[in-house]
Amino acid sequence: MAVRERVEGASPFRCDVLYVEDHAVVMTRGAVDLNTAPAMHRQMSATLALPITGITVDLAYVSFLDSSGVNVLVQTRADATQRDIAFRLESVPRNVRLVLDALGLLDLFAVRHETPADDVASA
């Protein structure tokens, strides 16, 4: 299942889901903002409605995250917790970590490590 949206002047937004047994991996690409956050929210809600025990949100290719995108992540985590579904973020790029840090949400999402791309960039 995939959601794709094209916003003029922005990189294409994609939200694809890969299922591995009873776990879902949501791979998000592009800008997650006021225009694309509703599509991401719909995808996350549909994924959480399935019989899964865990959901991982891979943010490696997220180019931009605004408050709308943060809201989707916070709401998805809350919905997952309410349904006893393990939730985690993976491959969080530096630009997204900075947003989560500014909002005091790094601990909520247990974001602690830099991505390999960040390691290469800092070398």
PDB file of N, CA and C in Angstrom:
ATOM      1  N   MET A   1       0.850  -1.168   0.000  1.00  0.00           N
ATOM      2  CA  MET A   1       0.000   0.000   0.000  1.00  0.00           C
ATOM      3  C   MET A   1       0.898   1.234   0.000  1.00  0.00           C
ATOM      4  N   ALA A   2       0.611   2.198  -0.843  1.00  0.00           N
ATOM      5  CA  ALA A   2       1.435   3.393  -0.931  1.00  0.00           C
ATOM      6  C   ALA A   2       0.562   4.617  -1.157  1.00  0.00           C
ATOM      7  N   VAL A   3       1.005   5.712  -0.607  1.00  0.00           N
ATOM      8  CA  VAL A   3       0.358   6.995  -0.821  1.00  0.00           C
ATOM      9  C   VAL A   3       1.399   7.894  -1.469  1.00  0.00           C
ATOM     10  N   ARG A   4       1.035   8.522  -2.577  1.00  0.00           N
ATOM     11  CA  ARG A   4       1.950   9.428  -3.261  1.00  0.00           C
ATOM     12  C   ARG A   4       1.224  10.725  -3.533  1.00  0.00           C
ATOM     13  N   GLU A   5       1.892  11.823  -3.258  1.00  0.00           N
ATOM     14  CA  GLU A   5       1.328  13.127  -3.570  1.00  0.00           C
ATOM     15  C   GLU A   5       2.424  13.998  -4.137  1.00  0.00           C
ATOM     16  N   ARG A   6       2.071  14.813  -5.095  1.00  0.00           N
ATOM     17  CA  ARG A   6       3.024  15.736  -5.698  1.00  0.00           C
ATOM     18  C   ARG A   6       2.591  17.149  -5.349  1.00  0.00           C
ATOM     19  N   VAL A   7       3.453  17.877  -4.688  1.00  0.00           N
ATOM     20  CA  VAL A   7       3.191  19.262  -4.352  1.00  0.00           C
ATOM     21  C   VAL A   7       4.126  20.103  -5.211  1.00  0.00           C
ATOM     22  N   GLU A   8       3.582  21.077  -5.915  1.00  0.00           N
ATOM     23  CA  GLU A   8       4.368  21.894  -6.823  1.00  0.00           C
ATOM     24  C   GLU A   8       5.570  22.509  -6.114  1.00  0.00           C
ATOM     25  N   GLY A   9       6.738  22.342  -6.712  1.00  0.00           N
ATOM     26  CA  GLY A   9       7.953  22.931  -6.162  1.00  0.00           C
ATOM     27  C   GLY A   9       8.599  22.126  -5.054  1.00  0.00           C
ATOM     28  N   ALA A  10       8.029  21.009  -4.679  1.00  0.00           N
ATOM     29  CA  ALA A  10       8.584  20.203  -3.594  1.00  0.00           C
ATOM     30  C   ALA A  10       8.938  18.820  -4.114  1.00  0.00           C
ATOM     31  N   SER A  11       9.797  18.119  -3.379  1.00  0.00           N
ATOM     32  CA  SER A  11      10.094  16.743  -3.769  1.00  0.00           C
ATOM     33  C   SER A  11       8.841  15.910  -3.559  1.00  0.00           C
ATOM     34  N   PRO A  12       8.644  14.880  -4.386  1.00  0.00           N
ATOM     35  CA  PRO A  12       7.429  14.080  -4.261  1.00  0.00           C
ATOM     36  C   PRO A  12       7.341  13.407  -2.886  1.00  0.00           C
ATOM     37  N   PHE A  13       6.158  13.413  -2.339  1.00  0.00           N
ATOM     38  CA  PHE A  13       5.909  12.758  -1.059  1.00  0.00           C
ATOM     39  C   PHE A  13       5.480  11.328  -1.332  1.00  0.00           C
ATOM     40  N   ARG A  14       6.047  10.415  -0.553  1.00  0.00           N
ATOM     41  CA  ARG A  14       5.654   9.006  -0.636  1.00  0.00           C
ATOM     42  C   ARG A  14       5.584   8.445   0.771  1.00  0.00           C
ATOM     43  N   CYS A  15       4.650   7.550   0.938  1.00  0.00           N
ATOM     44  CA  CYS A  15       4.504   6.849   2.212  1.00  0.00           C
ATOM     45  C   CYS A  15       4.150   5.410   1.867  1.00  0.00           C
ATOM     46  N   ASP A  16       5.149   4.539   1.882  1.00  0.00           N
ATOM     47  CA  ASP A  16       4.980   3.133   1.513  1.00  0.00           C
ATOM     48  C   ASP A  16       5.052   2.269   2.772  1.00  0.00           C
ATOM     49  N   VAL A  17       4.333   1.156   2.748  1.00  0.00           N
ATOM     50  CA  VAL A  17       4.333   0.258   3.898  1.00  0.00           C
ATOM     51  C   VAL A  17       4.811  -1.123   3.460  1.00  0.00           C
ATOM     52  N   LEU A  18       5.732  -1.661   4.227  1.00  0.00           N
ATOM     53  CA  LEU A  18       6.235  -3.007   4.021  1.00  0.00           C
ATOM     54  C   LEU A  18       5.838  -3.818   5.251  1.00  0.00           C
ATOM     55  N   TYR A  19       5.253  -4.973   5.024  1.00  0.00           N
ATOM     56  CA  TYR A  19       4.829  -5.827   6.138  1.00  0.00           C
ATOM     57  C   TYR A  19       5.771  -7.012   6.242  1.00  0.00           C
ATOM     58  N   VAL A  20       6.287  -7.234   7.440  1.00  0.00           N
ATOM     59  CA  VAL A  20       7.138  -8.373   7.726  1.00  0.00           C
ATOM     60  C   VAL A  20       6.500  -9.099   8.907  1.00  0.00           C
ATOM     61  N   GLU A  21       5.870 -10.221   8.583  1.00  0.00           N
ATOM     62  CA  GLU A  21       5.102 -10.984   9.574  1.00  0.00           C
ATOM     63  C   GLU A  21       4.072 -10.059  10.217  1.00  0.00           C
ATOM     64  N   ASP A  22       4.175  -9.803  11.520  1.00  0.00           N
ATOM     65  CA  ASP A  22       3.175  -8.971  12.196  1.00  0.00           C
ATOM     66  C   ASP A  22       3.700  -7.562  12.504  1.00  0.00           C
ATOM     67  N   HIS A  23       4.666  -7.125  11.718  1.00  0.00           N
ATOM     68  CA  HIS A  23       5.274  -5.810  11.918  1.00  0.00           C
ATOM     69  C   HIS A  23       5.177  -5.011  10.619  1.00  0.00           C
ATOM     70  N   ALA A  24       4.894  -3.721  10.746  1.00  0.00           N
ATOM     71  CA  ALA A  24       4.816  -2.832   9.586  1.00  0.00           C
ATOM     72  C   ALA A  24       5.962  -1.833   9.635  1.00  0.00           C
ATOM     73  N   VAL A  25       6.565  -1.609   8.470  1.00  0.00           N
ATOM     74  CA  VAL A  25       7.587  -0.578   8.334  1.00  0.00           C
ATOM     75  C   VAL A  25       7.034   0.451   7.357  1.00  0.00           C
ATOM     76  N   VAL A  26       6.868   1.673   7.843  1.00  0.00           N
ATOM     77  CA  VAL A  26       6.343   2.762   7.021  1.00  0.00           C
ATOM     78  C   VAL A  26       7.532   3.597   6.568  1.00  0.00           C
ATOM     79  N   MET A  27       7.766   3.603   5.267  1.00  0.00           N
ATOM     80  CA  MET A  27       8.886   4.352   4.696  1.00  0.00           C
ATOM     81  C   MET A  27       8.346   5.641   4.099  1.00  0.00           C
ATOM     82  N   THR A  28       8.762   6.754   4.689  1.00  0.00           N
ATOM     83  CA  THR A  28       8.268   8.058   4.283  1.00  0.00           C
ATOM     84  C   THR A  28       9.378   8.821   3.566  1.00  0.00           C
ATOM     85  N   ARG A  29       9.028   9.479   2.472  1.00  0.00           N
ATOM     86  CA  ARG A  29       9.993  10.244   1.677  1.00  0.00           C
ATOM     87  C   ARG A  29       9.425  11.610   1.348  1.00  0.00           C
ATOM     88  N   GLY A  30      10.309  12.591   1.234  1.00  0.00           N
ATOM     89  CA  GLY A  30       9.894  13.930   0.828  1.00  0.00           C
ATOM     90  C   GLY A  30       9.554  14.809   2.018  1.00  0.00           C
ATOM     91  N   ALA A  31       8.846  15.871   1.737  1.00  0.00           N
ATOM     92  CA  ALA A  31       8.461  16.833   2.766  1.00  0.00           C
ATOM     93  C   ALA A  31       7.171  16.395   3.442  1.00  0.00           C
ATOM     94  N   VAL A  32       7.192  16.395   4.763  1.00  0.00           N
ATOM     95  CA  VAL A  32       5.981  16.100   5.541  1.00  0.00           C
ATOM     96  C   VAL A  32       5.551  17.437   6.153  1.00  0.00           C
ATOM     97  N   ASP A  33       4.531  18.011   5.536  1.00  0.00           N
ATOM     98  CA  ASP A  33       4.098  19.346   5.923  1.00  0.00           C
ATOM     99  C   ASP A  33       2.573  19.436   5.895  1.00  0.00           C
ATOM    100  N   LEU A  34       2.062  20.639   5.950  1.00  0.00           N
ATOM    101  CA  LEU A  34       0.618  20.862   5.981  1.00  0.00           C
ATOM    102  C   LEU A  34      -0.093  20.202   4.795  1.00  0.00           C
ATOM    103  N   ASN A  35       0.557  20.158   3.639  1.00  0.00           N
ATOM    104  CA  ASN A  35      -0.049  19.571   2.448  1.00  0.00           C
ATOM    105  C   ASN A  35      -0.023  18.049   2.440  1.00  0.00           C
ATOM    106  N   THR A  36       1.030  17.446   2.979  1.00  0.00           N
ATOM    107  CA  THR A  36       1.199  15.997   2.879  1.00  0.00           C
ATOM    108  C   THR A  36       0.892  15.244   4.170  1.00  0.00           C
ATOM    109  N   ALA A  37       0.873  15.931   5.289  1.00  0.00           N
ATOM    110  CA  ALA A  37       0.611  15.272   6.575  1.00  0.00           C
ATOM    111  C   ALA A  37      -0.727  14.530   6.610  1.00  0.00           C
ATOM    112  N   PRO A  38      -1.805  15.060   6.012  1.00  0.00           N
ATOM    113  CA  PRO A  38      -3.057  14.298   6.021  1.00  0.00           C
ATOM    114  C   PRO A  38      -2.935  12.934   5.328  1.00  0.00           C
ATOM    115  N   ALA A  39      -2.190  12.871   4.232  1.00  0.00           N
ATOM    116  CA  ALA A  39      -1.996  11.592   3.542  1.00  0.00           C
ATOM    117  C   ALA A  39      -1.182  10.637   4.424  1.00  0.00           C
ATOM    118  N   MET A  40      -0.171  11.167   5.092  1.00  0.00           N
ATOM    119  CA  MET A  40       0.624  10.333   5.989  1.00  0.00           C
ATOM    120  C   MET A  40      -0.248   9.824   7.137  1.00  0.00           C
ATOM    121  N   HIS A  41      -1.085  10.695   7.668  1.00  0.00           N
ATOM    122  CA  HIS A  41      -1.970  10.299   8.768  1.00  0.00           C
ATOM    123  C   HIS A  41      -2.927   9.189   8.334  1.00  0.00           C
ATOM    124  N   ARG A  42      -3.501   9.319   7.142  1.00  0.00           N
ATOM    125  CA  ARG A  42      -4.393   8.272   6.634  1.00  0.00           C
ATOM    126  C   ARG A  42      -3.662   6.936   6.508  1.00  0.00           C
ATOM    127  N   GLN A  43      -2.426   6.983   6.009  1.00  0.00           N
ATOM    128  CA  GLN A  43      -1.639   5.763   5.850  1.00  0.00           C
ATOM    129  C   GLN A  43      -1.331   5.144   7.211  1.00  0.00           C
ATOM    130  N   MET A  44      -0.953   5.963   8.167  1.00  0.00           N
ATOM    131  CA  MET A  44      -0.631   5.464   9.508  1.00  0.00           C
ATOM    132  C   MET A  44      -1.875   4.859  10.163  1.00  0.00           C
ATOM    133  N   SER A  45      -3.003   5.520  10.046  1.00  0.00           N
ATOM    134  CA  SER A  45      -4.240   5.009  10.641  1.00  0.00           C
ATOM    135  C   SER A  45      -4.644   3.685  10.018  1.00  0.00           C
ATOM    136  N   ALA A  46      -4.530   3.583   8.704  1.00  0.00           N
ATOM    137  CA  ALA A  46      -4.862   2.325   8.020  1.00  0.00           C
ATOM    138  C   ALA A  46      -3.924   1.204   8.459  1.00  0.00           C
ATOM    139  N   THR A  47      -2.672   1.532   8.640  1.00  0.00           N
ATOM    140  CA  THR A  47      -1.685   0.532   9.066  1.00  0.00           C
ATOM    141  C   THR A  47      -1.972   0.060  10.487  1.00  0.00           C
ATOM    142  N   LEU A  48      -2.290   0.990  11.371  1.00  0.00           N
ATOM    143  CA  LEU A  48      -2.572   0.626  12.761  1.00  0.00           C
ATOM    144  C   LEU A  48      -3.859  -0.185  12.897  1.00  0.00           C
ATOM    145  N   ALA A  49      -4.738  -0.113  11.918  1.00  0.00           N
ATOM    146  CA  ALA A  49      -5.998  -0.865  11.963  1.00  0.00           C
ATOM    147  C   ALA A  49      -5.795  -2.340  11.624  1.00  0.00           C
ATOM    148  N   LEU A  50      -4.622  -2.689  11.125  1.00  0.00           N
ATOM    149  CA  LEU A  50      -4.330  -4.075  10.759  1.00  0.00           C
ATOM    150  C   LEU A  50      -3.848  -4.862  11.974  1.00  0.00           C
ATOM    151  N   PRO A  51      -3.879  -6.180  11.906  1.00  0.00           N
ATOM    152  CA  PRO A  51      -3.419  -6.994  13.047  1.00  0.00           C
ATOM    153  C   PRO A  51      -1.886  -7.061  13.111  1.00  0.00           C
ATOM    154  N   ILE A  52      -1.281  -5.985  13.616  1.00  0.00           N
ATOM    155  CA  ILE A  52       0.175  -5.925  13.753  1.00  0.00           C
ATOM    156  C   ILE A  52       0.543  -5.759  15.219  1.00  0.00           C
ATOM    157  N   THR A  53       1.777  -6.104  15.541  1.00  0.00           N
ATOM    158  CA  THR A  53       2.262  -5.922  16.914  1.00  0.00           C
ATOM    159  C   THR A  53       3.298  -4.812  17.006  1.00  0.00           C
ATOM    160  N   GLY A  54       3.753  -4.324  15.861  1.00  0.00           N
ATOM    161  CA  GLY A  54       4.747  -3.258  15.864  1.00  0.00           C
ATOM    162  C   GLY A  54       4.700  -2.445  14.592  1.00  0.00           C
ATOM    163  N   ILE A  55       5.088  -1.173  14.730  1.00  0.00           N
ATOM    164  CA  ILE A  55       5.188  -0.281  13.576  1.00  0.00           C
ATOM    165  C   ILE A  55       6.467   0.532  13.709  1.00  0.00           C
ATOM    166  N   THR A  56       7.244   0.534  12.641  1.00  0.00           N
ATOM    167  CA  THR A  56       8.463   1.320  12.572  1.00  0.00           C
ATOM    168  C   THR A  56       8.283   2.353  11.479  1.00  0.00           C
ATOM    169  N   VAL A  57       8.584   3.600  11.793  1.00  0.00           N
ATOM    170  CA  VAL A  57       8.492   4.673  10.813  1.00  0.00           C
ATOM    171  C   VAL A  57       9.913   5.045  10.405  1.00  0.00           C
ATOM    172  N   ASP A  58      10.258   4.733   9.157  1.00  0.00           N
ATOM    173  CA  ASP A  58      11.591   5.016   8.616  1.00  0.00           C
ATOM    174  C   ASP A  58      11.562   6.403   7.989  1.00  0.00           C
ATOM    175  N   LEU A  59      12.336   7.311   8.554  1.00  0.00           N
ATOM    176  CA  LEU A  59      12.336   8.703   8.113  1.00  0.00           C
ATOM    177  C   LEU A  59      13.599   9.083   7.350  1.00  0.00           C
ATOM    178  N   ALA A  60      14.376   8.110   6.917  1.00  0.00           N
ATOM    179  CA  ALA A  60      15.675   8.367   6.291  1.00  0.00           C
ATOM    180  C   ALA A  60      15.617   9.371   5.151  1.00  0.00           C
ATOM    181  N   TYR A  61      14.534   9.376   4.387  1.00  0.00           N
ATOM    182  CA  TYR A  61      14.446  10.241   3.221  1.00  0.00           C
ATOM    183  C   TYR A  61      13.439  11.380   3.372  1.00  0.00           C
ATOM    184  N   VAL A  62      13.165  11.760   4.620  1.00  0.00           N
ATOM    185  CA  VAL A  62      12.298  12.911   4.861  1.00  0.00           C
ATOM    186  C   VAL A  62      13.155  14.162   4.737  1.00  0.00           C
ATOM    187  N   SER A  63      12.780  15.007   3.787  1.00  0.00           N
ATOM    188  CA  SER A  63      13.560  16.211   3.509  1.00  0.00           C
ATOM    189  C   SER A  63      13.154  17.395   4.384  1.00  0.00           C
ATOM    190  N   PHE A  64      11.937  17.349   4.917  1.00  0.00           N
ATOM    191  CA  PHE A  64      11.416  18.460   5.713  1.00  0.00           C
ATOM    192  C   PHE A  64      10.299  17.938   6.589  1.00  0.00           C
ATOM    193  N   LEU A  65      10.242  18.424   7.818  1.00  0.00           N
ATOM    194  CA  LEU A  65       9.178  18.043   8.747  1.00  0.00           C
ATOM    195  C   LEU A  65       8.719  19.289   9.481  1.00  0.00           C
ATOM    196  N   ASP A  66       7.427  19.626   9.334  1.00  0.00           N
ATOM    197  CA  ASP A  66       6.906  20.771  10.070  1.00  0.00           C
ATOM    198  C   ASP A  66       5.999  20.280  11.202  1.00  0.00           C
ATOM    199  N   SER A  67       5.320  21.199  11.844  1.00  0.00           N
ATOM    200  CA  SER A  67       4.487  20.841  13.000  1.00  0.00           C
ATOM    201  C   SER A  67       3.363  19.880  12.616  1.00  0.00           C
ATOM    202  N   SER A  68       2.884  19.959  11.385  1.00  0.00           N
ATOM    203  CA  SER A  68       1.839  19.025  10.933  1.00  0.00           C
ATOM    204  C   SER A  68       2.374  17.597  10.916  1.00  0.00           C
ATOM    205  N   GLY A  69       3.588  17.447  10.424  1.00  0.00           N
ATOM    206  CA  GLY A  69       4.225  16.131  10.403  1.00  0.00           C
ATOM    207  C   GLY A  69       4.531  15.618  11.799  1.00  0.00           C
ATOM    208  N   VAL A  70       4.994  16.512  12.657  1.00  0.00           N
ATOM    209  CA  VAL A  70       5.263  16.128  14.049  1.00  0.00           C
ATOM    210  C   VAL A  70       3.970  15.656  14.700  1.00  0.00           C
ATOM    211  N   ASN A  71       2.882  16.365  14.443  1.00  0.00           N
ATOM    212  CA  ASN A  71       1.592  15.981  15.003  1.00  0.00           C
ATOM    213  C   ASN A  71       1.193  14.571  14.568  1.00  0.00           C
ATOM    214  N   VAL A  72       1.434  14.232  13.304  1.00  0.00           N
ATOM    215  CA  VAL A  72       1.117  12.884  12.823  1.00  0.00           C
ATOM    216  C   VAL A  72       1.942  11.846  13.592  1.00  0.00           C
ATOM    217  N   LEU A  73       3.212  12.120  13.796  1.00  0.00           N
ATOM    218  CA  LEU A  73       4.060  11.172  14.530  1.00  0.00           C
ATOM    219  C   LEU A  73       3.593  11.012  15.978  1.00  0.00           C
ATOM    220  N   VAL A  74       3.279  12.122  16.630  1.00  0.00           N
ATOM    221  CA  VAL A  74       2.818  12.076  18.024  1.00  0.00           C
ATOM    222  C   VAL A  74       1.494  11.320  18.113  1.00  0.00           C
ATOM    223  N   GLN A  75       0.570  11.625  17.213  1.00  0.00           N
ATOM    224  CA  GLN A  75      -0.740  10.964  17.226  1.00  0.00           C
ATOM    225  C   GLN A  75      -0.614   9.473  16.915  1.00  0.00           C
ATOM    226  N   THR A  76       0.229   9.130  15.959  1.00  0.00           N
ATOM    227  CA  THR A  76       0.425   7.721  15.610  1.00  0.00           C
ATOM    228  C   THR A  76       1.024   6.961  16.784  1.00  0.00           C
ATOM    229  N   ARG A  77       1.995   7.575  17.454  1.00  0.00           N
ATOM    230  CA  ARG A  77       2.587   6.920  18.626  1.00  0.00           C
ATOM    231  C   ARG A  77       1.528   6.701  19.702  1.00  0.00           C
ATOM    232  N   ALA A  78       0.696   7.709  19.957  1.00  0.00           N
ATOM    233  CA  ALA A  78      -0.357   7.588  20.971  1.00  0.00           C
ATOM    234  C   ALA A  78      -1.365   6.501  20.592  1.00  0.00           C
ATOM    235  N   ASP A  79      -1.767   6.476  19.321  1.00  0.00           N
ATOM    236  CA  ASP A  79      -2.716   5.453  18.862  1.00  0.00           C
ATOM    237  C   ASP A  79      -2.117   4.061  18.964  1.00  0.00           C
ATOM    238  N   ALA A  80      -0.849   3.936  18.601  1.00  0.00           N
ATOM    239  CA  ALA A  80      -0.167   2.639  18.690  1.00  0.00           C
ATOM    240  C   ALA A  80      -0.087   2.173  20.139  1.00  0.00           C
ATOM    241  N   THR A  81       0.287   3.068  21.032  1.00  0.00           N
ATOM    242  CA  THR A  81       0.393   2.731  22.449  1.00  0.00           C
ATOM    243  C   THR A  81      -0.958   2.283  23.000  1.00  0.00           C
ATOM    244  N   GLN A  82      -2.014   2.986  22.615  1.00  0.00           N
ATOM    245  CA  GLN A  82      -3.365   2.639  23.069  1.00  0.00           C
ATOM    246  C   GLN A  82      -3.769   1.237  22.607  1.00  0.00           C
ATOM    247  N   ARG A  83      -3.264   0.818  21.469  1.00  0.00           N
ATOM    248  CA  ARG A  83      -3.602  -0.499  20.911  1.00  0.00           C
ATOM    249  C   ARG A  83      -2.557  -1.568  21.230  1.00  0.00           C
ATOM    250  N   ASP A  84      -1.619  -1.253  22.111  1.00  0.00           N
ATOM    251  CA  ASP A  84      -0.540  -2.180  22.469  1.00  0.00           C
ATOM    252  C   ASP A  84       0.306  -2.583  21.268  1.00  0.00           C
ATOM    253  N   ILE A  85       0.563  -1.629  20.398  1.00  0.00           N
ATOM    254  CA  ILE A  85       1.418  -1.836  19.234  1.00  0.00           C
ATOM    255  C   ILE A  85       2.719  -1.080  19.488  1.00  0.00           C
ATOM    256  N   ALA A  86       3.839  -1.787  19.413  1.00  0.00           N
ATOM    257  CA  ALA A  86       5.141  -1.150  19.612  1.00  0.00           C
ATOM    258  C   ALA A  86       5.370  -0.121  18.507  1.00  0.00           C
ATOM    259  N   PHE A  87       5.901   1.041  18.878  1.00  0.00           N
ATOM    260  CA  PHE A  87       6.130   2.131  17.927  1.00  0.00           C
ATOM    261  C   PHE A  87       7.570   2.595  18.049  1.00  0.00           C
ATOM    262  N   ARG A  88       8.209   2.800  16.879  1.00  0.00           N
ATOM    263  CA  ARG A  88       9.544   3.396  16.923  1.00  0.00           C
ATOM    264  C   ARG A  88       9.845   4.131  15.630  1.00  0.00           C
ATOM    265  N   LEU A  89      10.732   5.103  15.763  1.00  0.00           N
ATOM    266  CA  LEU A  89      11.243   5.821  14.601  1.00  0.00           C
ATOM    267  C   LEU A  89      12.594   5.222  14.253  1.00  0.00           C
ATOM    268  N   GLU A  90      12.900   5.218  12.968  1.00  0.00           N
ATOM    269  CA  GLU A  90      14.162   4.649  12.503  1.00  0.00           C
ATOM    270  C   GLU A  90      14.782   5.583  11.476  1.00  0.00           C
ATOM    271  N   SER A  91      16.101   5.580  11.432  1.00  0.00           N
ATOM    272  CA  SER A  91      16.851   6.360  10.437  1.00  0.00           C
ATOM    273  C   SER A  91      16.393   7.814  10.406  1.00  0.00           C
ATOM    274  N   VAL A  92      16.412   8.430  11.564  1.00  0.00           N
ATOM    275  CA  VAL A  92      15.945   9.818  11.692  1.00  0.00           C
ATOM    276  C   VAL A  92      17.064  10.754  11.230  1.00  0.00           C
ATOM    277  N   PRO A  93      16.845  11.481  10.125  1.00  0.00           N
ATOM    278  CA  PRO A  93      17.894  12.373   9.637  1.00  0.00           C
ATOM    279  C   PRO A  93      18.092  13.573  10.562  1.00  0.00           C
ATOM    280  N   ARG A  94      19.226  14.208  10.405  1.00  0.00           N
ATOM    281  CA  ARG A  94      19.593  15.324  11.264  1.00  0.00           C
ATOM    282  C   ARG A  94      18.532  16.431  11.259  1.00  0.00           C
ATOM    283  N   ASN A  95      18.008  16.779  10.086  1.00  0.00           N
ATOM    284  CA  ASN A  95      17.019  17.865  10.023  1.00  0.00           C
ATOM    285  C   ASN A  95      15.765  17.534  10.829  1.00  0.00           C
ATOM    286  N   VAL A  96      15.360  16.288  10.837  1.00  0.00           N
ATOM    287  CA  VAL A  96      14.186  15.873  11.616  1.00  0.00           C
ATOM    288  C   VAL A  96      14.536  15.823  13.103  1.00  0.00           C
ATOM    289  N   ARG A  97      15.730  15.320  13.426  1.00  0.00           N
ATOM    290  CA  ARG A  97      16.166  15.298  14.831  1.00  0.00           C
ATOM    291  C   ARG A  97      16.186  16.701  15.420  1.00  0.00           C
ATOM    292  N   LEU A  98      16.631  17.674  14.633  1.00  0.00           N
ATOM    293  CA  LEU A  98      16.679  19.051  15.125  1.00  0.00           C
ATOM    294  C   LEU A  98      15.285  19.572  15.460  1.00  0.00           C
ATOM    295  N   VAL A  99      14.306  19.247  14.626  1.00  0.00           N
ATOM    296  CA  VAL A  99      12.918  19.661  14.893  1.00  0.00           C
ATOM    297  C   VAL A  99      12.413  18.989  16.165  1.00  0.00           C
ATOM    298  N   LEU A 100      12.611  17.670  16.262  1.00  0.00           N
ATOM    299  CA  LEU A 100      12.143  16.937  17.451  1.00  0.00           C
ATOM    300  C   LEU A 100      12.847  17.431  18.713  1.00  0.00           C
ATOM    301  N   ASP A 101      14.131  17.749  18.590  1.00  0.00           N
ATOM    302  CA  ASP A 101      14.888  18.266  19.736  1.00  0.00           C
ATOM    303  C   ASP A 101      14.354  19.628  20.164  1.00  0.00           C
ATOM    304  N   ALA A 102      14.091  20.512  19.204  1.00  0.00           N
ATOM    305  CA  ALA A 102      13.580  21.848  19.526  1.00  0.00           C
ATOM    306  C   ALA A 102      12.238  21.775  20.240  1.00  0.00           C
ATOM    307  N   LEU A 103      11.465  20.730  19.945  1.00  0.00           N
ATOM    308  CA  LEU A 103      10.154  20.555  20.572  1.00  0.00           C
ATOM    309  C   LEU A 103      10.214  19.696  21.838  1.00  0.00           C
ATOM    310  N   GLY A 104      11.401  19.240  22.209  1.00  0.00           N
ATOM    311  CA  GLY A 104      11.553  18.412  23.405  1.00  0.00           C
ATOM    312  C   GLY A 104      10.984  17.012  23.237  1.00  0.00           C
ATOM    313  N   LEU A 105      10.999  16.477  22.014  1.00  0.00           N
ATOM    314  CA  LEU A 105      10.374  15.180  21.748  1.00  0.00           C
ATOM    315  C   LEU A 105      11.366  14.043  21.483  1.00  0.00           C
ATOM    316  N   LEU A 106      12.653  14.302  21.576  1.00  0.00           N
ATOM    317  CA  LEU A 106      13.625  13.236  21.314  1.00  0.00           C
ATOM    318  C   LEU A 106      13.441  12.061  22.263  1.00  0.00           C
ATOM    319  N   ASP A 107      13.220  12.342  23.529  1.00  0.00           N
ATOM    320  CA  ASP A 107      13.024  11.260  24.502  1.00  0.00           C
ATOM    321  C   ASP A 107      11.715  10.512  24.269  1.00  0.00           C
ATOM    322  N   LEU A 108      10.652  11.219  23.893  1.00  0.00           N
ATOM    323  CA  LEU A 108       9.369  10.576  23.625  1.00  0.00           C
ATOM    324  C   LEU A 108       9.524   9.523  22.533  1.00  0.00           C
ATOM    325  N   PHE A 109      10.308   9.857  21.513  1.00  0.00           N
ATOM    326  CA  PHE A 109      10.501   8.937  20.394  1.00  0.00           C
ATOM    327  C   PHE A 109      11.773   8.100  20.527  1.00  0.00           C
ATOM    328  N   ALA A 110      12.488   8.263  21.621  1.00  0.00           N
ATOM    329  CA  ALA A 110      13.729   7.520  21.872  1.00  0.00           C
ATOM    330  C   ALA A 110      14.717   7.674  20.715  1.00  0.00           C
ATOM    331  N   VAL A 111      14.847   8.887  20.199  1.00  0.00           N
ATOM    332  CA  VAL A 111      15.802   9.170  19.126  1.00  0.00           C
ATOM    333  C   VAL A 111      17.129   9.512  19.775  1.00  0.00           C
ATOM    334  N   ARG A 112      18.139   8.685  19.514  1.00  0.00           N
ATOM    335  CA  ARG A 112      19.415   8.902  20.157  1.00  0.00           C
ATOM    336  C   ARG A 112      20.607   8.873  19.208  1.00  0.00           C
ATOM    337  N   HIS A 113      20.499   8.163  18.123  1.00  0.00           N
ATOM    338  CA  HIS A 113      21.668   7.946  17.281  1.00  0.00           C
ATOM    339  C   HIS A 113      21.565   8.684  15.961  1.00  0.00           C
ATOM    340  N   GLU A 114      22.736   9.036  15.451  1.00  0.00           N
ATOM    341  CA  GLU A 114      22.770   9.667  14.144  1.00  0.00           C
ATOM    342  C   GLU A 114      22.644   8.608  13.064  1.00  0.00           C
ATOM    343  N   THR A 115      22.122   9.009  11.929  1.00  0.00           N
ATOM    344  CA  THR A 115      21.990   8.087  10.806  1.00  0.00           C
ATOM    345  C   THR A 115      23.339   7.921  10.132  1.00  0.00           C
ATOM    346  N   PRO A 116      23.551   6.838   9.373  1.00  0.00           N
ATOM    347  CA  PRO A 116      24.819   6.670   8.666  1.00  0.00           C
ATOM    348  C   PRO A 116      25.153   7.863   7.772  1.00  0.00           C
ATOM    349  N   ALA A 117      24.159   8.466   7.145  1.00  0.00           N
ATOM    350  CA  ALA A 117      24.400   9.628   6.281  1.00  0.00           C
ATOM    351  C   ALA A 117      24.967  10.797   7.105  1.00  0.00           C
ATOM    352  N   ASP A 118      24.483  10.960   8.331  1.00  0.00           N
ATOM    353  CA  ASP A 118      24.998  12.019   9.195  1.00  0.00           C
ATOM    354  C   ASP A 118      26.438  11.727   9.586  1.00  0.00           C
ATOM    355  N   ASP A 119      26.745  10.451   9.838  1.00  0.00           N
ATOM    356  CA  ASP A 119      28.101  10.067  10.191  1.00  0.00           C
ATOM    357  C   ASP A 119      29.058  10.379   9.059  1.00  0.00           C
ATOM    358  N   VAL A 120      28.656  10.093   7.820  1.00  0.00           N
ATOM    359  CA  VAL A 120      29.489  10.352   6.664  1.00  0.00           C
ATOM    360  C   VAL A 120      29.677  11.844   6.476  1.00  0.00           C
ATOM    361  N   ALA A 121      28.596  12.600   6.643  1.00  0.00           N
ATOM    362  CA  ALA A 121      28.647  14.055   6.455  1.00  0.00           C
ATOM    363  C   ALA A 121      29.562  14.726   7.465  1.00  0.00           C
ATOM    364  N   SER A 122      29.632  14.174   8.670  1.00  0.00           N
ATOM    365  CA  SER A 122      30.437  14.801   9.706  1.00  0.00           C
ATOM    366  C   SER A 122      31.897  14.351   9.657  1.00  0.00           C
ATOM    367  N   ALA A 123      32.204  13.356   8.836  1.00  0.00           N
ATOM    368  CA  ALA A 123      33.584  12.844   8.751  1.00  0.00           C
ATOM    369  C   ALA A 123      34.459  13.743   7.919  1.00  0.00           C
TER     370      ALA A 123
END
